[in-house]
PDB file of N, CA and C in Angstrom:
ATOM      1  N   MET A   1      82.003  91.392  97.434  1.00  0.00           N
ATOM      2  CA  MET A   1      82.005  90.161  98.242  1.00  0.00           C
ATOM      3  C   MET A   1      83.138  89.354  97.711  1.00  0.00           C
ATOM      4  N   ASN A   2      84.096  88.810  98.480  1.00  0.00           N
ATOM      5  CA  ASN A   2      85.156  87.827  98.093  1.00  0.00           C
ATOM      6  C   ASN A   2      84.836  86.565  98.464  1.00  0.00           C
ATOM      7  N   TYR A   3      85.132  85.543  97.606  1.00  0.00           N
ATOM      8  CA  TYR A   3      84.937  84.160  97.885  1.00  0.00           C
ATOM      9  C   TYR A   3      86.333  83.515  97.895  1.00  0.00           C
ATOM     10  N   GLN A   4      86.715  82.845  98.953  1.00  0.00           N
ATOM     11  CA  GLN A   4      87.974  82.074  99.055  1.00  0.00           C
ATOM     12  C   GLN A   4      87.845  80.941  98.412  1.00  0.00           C
ATOM     13  N   ASP A   5      86.914  80.188  97.769  1.00  0.00           N
ATOM     14  CA  ASP A   5      86.771  79.152  97.186  1.00  0.00           C
ATOM     15  C   ASP A   5      85.637  79.252  96.098  1.00  0.00           C
ATOM     16  N   GLU A   6      85.930  78.753  95.013  1.00  0.00           N
ATOM     17  CA  GLU A   6      84.982  78.922  93.804  1.00  0.00           C
ATOM     18  C   GLU A   6      83.643  77.937  94.091  1.00  0.00           C
ATOM     19  N   GLU A   7      83.885  77.102  94.892  1.00  0.00           N
ATOM     20  CA  GLU A   7      82.625  75.973  95.224  1.00  0.00           C
ATOM     21  C   GLU A   7      81.719  76.838  96.014  1.00  0.00           C
ATOM     22  N   ILE A   8      82.012  77.853  96.619  1.00  0.00           N
ATOM     23  CA  ILE A   8      80.998  78.563  97.627  1.00  0.00           C
ATOM     24  C   ILE A   8      80.180  79.411  96.772  1.00  0.00           C
ATOM     25  N   LYS A   9      80.561  79.852  95.686  1.00  0.00           N
ATOM     26  CA  LYS A   9      79.827  80.584  94.675  1.00  0.00           C
ATOM     27  C   LYS A   9      78.593  79.849  94.226  1.00  0.00           C
ATOM     28  N   ARG A  10      78.659  78.520  94.130  1.00  0.00           N
ATOM     29  CA  ARG A  10      77.689  77.836  93.564  1.00  0.00           C
ATOM     30  C   ARG A  10      76.772  77.281  94.574  1.00  0.00           C
ATOM     31  N   MET A  11      76.912  77.624  95.903  1.00  0.00           N
ATOM     32  CA  MET A  11      75.991  76.953  96.859  1.00  0.00           C
ATOM     33  C   MET A  11      74.909  78.060  96.856  1.00  0.00           C
ATOM     34  N   HIS A  12      73.739  77.153  97.091  1.00  0.00           N
ATOM     35  CA  HIS A  12      72.333  77.788  97.489  1.00  0.00           C
ATOM     36  C   HIS A  12      71.682  77.581  98.766  1.00  0.00           C
ATOM     37  N   PHE A  13      71.009  78.585  99.338  1.00  0.00           N
ATOM     38  CA  PHE A  13      70.502  78.327 100.550  1.00  0.00           C
ATOM     39  C   PHE A  13      69.021  78.761 100.272  1.00  0.00           C
ATOM     40  N   SER A  14      68.200  78.260 101.167  1.00  0.00           N
ATOM     41  CA  SER A  14      66.704  78.665 101.392  1.00  0.00           C
ATOM     42  C   SER A  14      66.305  78.704 102.613  1.00  0.00           C
ATOM     43  N   GLY A  15      65.176  79.561 102.952  1.00  0.00           N
ATOM     44  CA  GLY A  15      64.539  79.662 104.318  1.00  0.00           C
ATOM     45  C   GLY A  15      64.066  81.081 104.274  1.00  0.00           C
ATOM     46  N   THR A  16      63.555  81.265 105.519  1.00  0.00           N
ATOM     47  CA  THR A  16      62.758  82.698 105.773  1.00  0.00           C
ATOM     48  C   THR A  16      63.583  83.478 106.919  1.00  0.00           C
ATOM     49  N   ILE A  17      63.835  84.609 106.600  1.00  0.00           N
ATOM     50  CA  ILE A  17      64.545  85.581 107.616  1.00  0.00           C
ATOM     51  C   ILE A  17      63.627  86.837 107.492  1.00  0.00           C
ATOM     52  N   ASN A  18      63.636  87.509 108.682  1.00  0.00           N
ATOM     53  CA  ASN A  18      62.906  88.806 108.463  1.00  0.00           C
ATOM     54  C   ASN A  18      63.787  89.766 107.889  1.00  0.00           C
ATOM     55  N   LYS A  19      63.460  90.376 107.011  1.00  0.00           N
ATOM     56  CA  LYS A  19      64.153  91.375 106.060  1.00  0.00           C
ATOM     57  C   LYS A  19      64.679  92.600 107.054  1.00  0.00           C
ATOM     58  N   HIS A  20      64.099  92.815 108.028  1.00  0.00           N
ATOM     59  CA  HIS A  20      64.635  94.027 108.869  1.00  0.00           C
ATOM     60  C   HIS A  20      65.631  93.589 109.868  1.00  0.00           C
ATOM     61  N   ARG A  21      66.133  92.297 109.756  1.00  0.00           N
ATOM     62  CA  ARG A  21      67.420  91.862 110.664  1.00  0.00           C
ATOM     63  C   ARG A  21      68.476  92.520 110.099  1.00  0.00           C
ATOM     64  N   PRO A  22      69.512  92.955 110.952  1.00  0.00           N
ATOM     65  CA  PRO A  22      70.634  93.335 110.600  1.00  0.00           C
ATOM     66  C   PRO A  22      71.546  92.440 109.785  1.00  0.00           C
ATOM     67  N   LEU A  23      72.221  92.803 108.776  1.00  0.00           N
ATOM     68  CA  LEU A  23      72.926  91.833 107.993  1.00  0.00           C
ATOM     69  C   LEU A  23      73.898  90.795 108.803  1.00  0.00           C
ATOM     70  N   ASN A  24      74.642  91.521 109.828  1.00  0.00           N
ATOM     71  CA  ASN A  24      75.545  90.522 110.666  1.00  0.00           C
ATOM     72  C   ASN A  24      74.669  89.425 111.393  1.00  0.00           C
ATOM     73  N   GLU A  25      73.408  89.648 111.709  1.00  0.00           N
ATOM     74  CA  GLU A  25      72.635  88.713 112.474  1.00  0.00           C
ATOM     75  C   GLU A  25      72.189  87.528 111.285  1.00  0.00           C
ATOM     76  N   VAL A  26      71.923  87.974 110.014  1.00  0.00           N
ATOM     77  CA  VAL A  26      71.641  87.069 109.017  1.00  0.00           C
ATOM     78  C   VAL A  26      72.851  86.156 108.799  1.00  0.00           C
ATOM     79  N   LEU A  27      74.039  86.745 108.755  1.00  0.00           N
ATOM     80  CA  LEU A  27      75.275  86.048 108.312  1.00  0.00           C
ATOM     81  C   LEU A  27      75.645  85.102 109.534  1.00  0.00           C
ATOM     82  N   GLN A  28      75.255  85.478 110.641  1.00  0.00           N
ATOM     83  CA  GLN A  28      75.604  84.549 111.821  1.00  0.00           C
ATOM     84  C   GLN A  28      74.754  83.280 111.748  1.00  0.00           C
ATOM     85  N   PHE A  29      73.507  83.489 111.544  1.00  0.00           N
ATOM     86  CA  PHE A  29      72.465  82.462 111.255  1.00  0.00           C
ATOM     87  C   PHE A  29      72.909  81.347 110.302  1.00  0.00           C
ATOM     88  N   LEU A  30      73.332  81.908 109.004  1.00  0.00           N
ATOM     89  CA  LEU A  30      74.014  81.114 107.831  1.00  0.00           C
ATOM     90  C   LEU A  30      75.045  80.412 108.590  1.00  0.00           C
ATOM     91  N   GLU A  31      76.141  81.100 109.425  1.00  0.00           N
ATOM     92  CA  GLU A  31      77.305  80.351 109.807  1.00  0.00           C
ATOM     93  C   GLU A  31      76.877  79.170 110.939  1.00  0.00           C
ATOM     94  N   LYS A  32      76.016  79.266 111.562  1.00  0.00           N
ATOM     95  CA  LYS A  32      75.390  78.352 112.403  1.00  0.00           C
ATOM     96  C   LYS A  32      74.825  77.060 111.635  1.00  0.00           C
ATOM     97  N   THR A  33      74.231  77.334 110.659  1.00  0.00           N
ATOM     98  CA  THR A  33      73.547  76.369 109.852  1.00  0.00           C
ATOM     99  C   THR A  33      74.214  75.706 108.632  1.00  0.00           C
ATOM    100  N   THR A  34      75.379  76.145 108.463  1.00  0.00           N
ATOM    101  CA  THR A  34      76.253  75.673 107.305  1.00  0.00           C
ATOM    102  C   THR A  34      77.680  75.600 107.787  1.00  0.00           C
ATOM    103  N   ASP A  35      78.612  75.335 106.755  1.00  0.00           N
ATOM    104  CA  ASP A  35      79.923  75.329 107.094  1.00  0.00           C
ATOM    105  C   ASP A  35      80.829  76.469 106.461  1.00  0.00           C
ATOM    106  N   ILE A  36      80.132  77.673 106.320  1.00  0.00           N
ATOM    107  CA  ILE A  36      80.596  78.761 105.694  1.00  0.00           C
ATOM    108  C   ILE A  36      80.798  79.920 106.713  1.00  0.00           C
ATOM    109  N   HIS A  37      81.881  80.550 106.611  1.00  0.00           N
ATOM    110  CA  HIS A  37      82.177  81.697 107.429  1.00  0.00           C
ATOM    111  C   HIS A  37      82.299  83.022 106.832  1.00  0.00           C
ATOM    112  N   PHE A  38      81.578  84.028 107.215  1.00  0.00           N
ATOM    113  CA  PHE A  38      81.650  85.456 106.677  1.00  0.00           C
ATOM    114  C   PHE A  38      82.415  86.443 107.639  1.00  0.00           C
ATOM    115  N   GLU A  39      83.285  87.120 107.056  1.00  0.00           N
ATOM    116  CA  GLU A  39      84.001  87.988 107.794  1.00  0.00           C
ATOM    117  C   GLU A  39      83.918  89.310 107.094  1.00  0.00           C
ATOM    118  N   ILE A  40      83.363  90.417 107.832  1.00  0.00           N
ATOM    119  CA  ILE A  40      82.963  91.626 107.339  1.00  0.00           C
ATOM    120  C   ILE A  40      84.201  92.774 107.855  1.00  0.00           C
ATOM    121  N   SER A  41      84.576  93.487 106.734  1.00  0.00           N
ATOM    122  CA  SER A  41      85.614  94.374 106.894  1.00  0.00           C
ATOM    123  C   SER A  41      85.070  95.616 106.055  1.00  0.00           C
ATOM    124  N   GLY A  42      84.542  96.608 106.864  1.00  0.00           N
ATOM    125  CA  GLY A  42      84.085  97.787 106.201  1.00  0.00           C
ATOM    126  C   GLY A  42      82.994  97.349 105.428  1.00  0.00           C
ATOM    127  N   LYS A  43      82.993  97.763 104.167  1.00  0.00           N
ATOM    128  CA  LYS A  43      81.865  97.137 103.249  1.00  0.00           C
ATOM    129  C   LYS A  43      82.191  96.023 102.460  1.00  0.00           C
ATOM    130  N   ASN A  44      83.220  95.328 102.865  1.00  0.00           N
ATOM    131  CA  ASN A  44      83.736  94.037 102.208  1.00  0.00           C
ATOM    132  C   ASN A  44      83.391  92.924 102.995  1.00  0.00           C
ATOM    133  N   ILE A  45      82.959  91.770 102.365  1.00  0.00           N
ATOM    134  CA  ILE A  45      82.458  90.616 103.060  1.00  0.00           C
ATOM    135  C   ILE A  45      83.464  89.562 102.396  1.00  0.00           C
ATOM    136  N   THR A  46      84.206  88.751 103.163  1.00  0.00           N
ATOM    137  CA  THR A  46      84.783  87.632 102.650  1.00  0.00           C
ATOM    138  C   THR A  46      84.185  86.412 103.203  1.00  0.00           C
ATOM    139  N   VAL A  47      83.888  85.313 102.152  1.00  0.00           N
ATOM    140  CA  VAL A  47      83.142  84.205 102.374  1.00  0.00           C
ATOM    141  C   VAL A  47      84.316  83.195 102.123  1.00  0.00           C
ATOM    142  N   SER A  48      84.315  82.230 103.348  1.00  0.00           N
ATOM    143  CA  SER A  48      85.126  81.083 103.314  1.00  0.00           C
ATOM    144  C   SER A  48      84.437  79.834 103.844  1.00  0.00           C
ATOM    145  N   LYS A  49      84.994  78.649 103.345  1.00  0.00           N
ATOM    146  CA  LYS A  49      84.484  77.438 103.947  1.00  0.00           C
ATOM    147  C   LYS A  49      85.422  77.001 105.158  1.00  0.00           C
ATOM    148  N   ILE A  50      84.480  76.557 106.133  1.00  0.00           N
ATOM    149  CA  ILE A  50      85.214  76.082 107.416  1.00  0.00           C
ATOM    150  C   ILE A  50      85.744  74.715 107.272  1.00  0.00           C
ATOM    151  N   LYS A  51      87.075  74.509 107.423  1.00  0.00           N
ATOM    152  CA  LYS A  51      87.634  73.195 107.281  1.00  0.00           C
ATOM    153  C   LYS A  51      87.400  72.357 108.439  1.00  0.00           C
ATOM    154  N   LYS A  52      86.796  71.113 108.004  1.00  0.00           N
ATOM    155  CA  LYS A  52      86.638  70.215 109.140  1.00  0.00           C
ATOM    156  C   LYS A  52      87.708  69.130 109.291  1.00  0.00           C
ATOM    157  N   GLY A  53      87.828  68.799 110.608  1.00  0.00           N
ATOM    158  CA  GLY A  53      88.859  67.713 110.682  1.00  0.00           C
ATOM    159  C   GLY A  53      89.869  68.047 111.626  1.00  0.00           C
TER     160      GLY A  53
END
């Protein structure tokens, strides 16, 4: 996993998600509820913060 910003590494999330959901669905849910964006390329995930403004 690659983080575009060190601040992202310190973020914590909590909630309940069915463990049988595909990873892309879980990441989409997180994108809708946070200001974080996930990009999947093969087995690599890049995590970046969405810039507002």
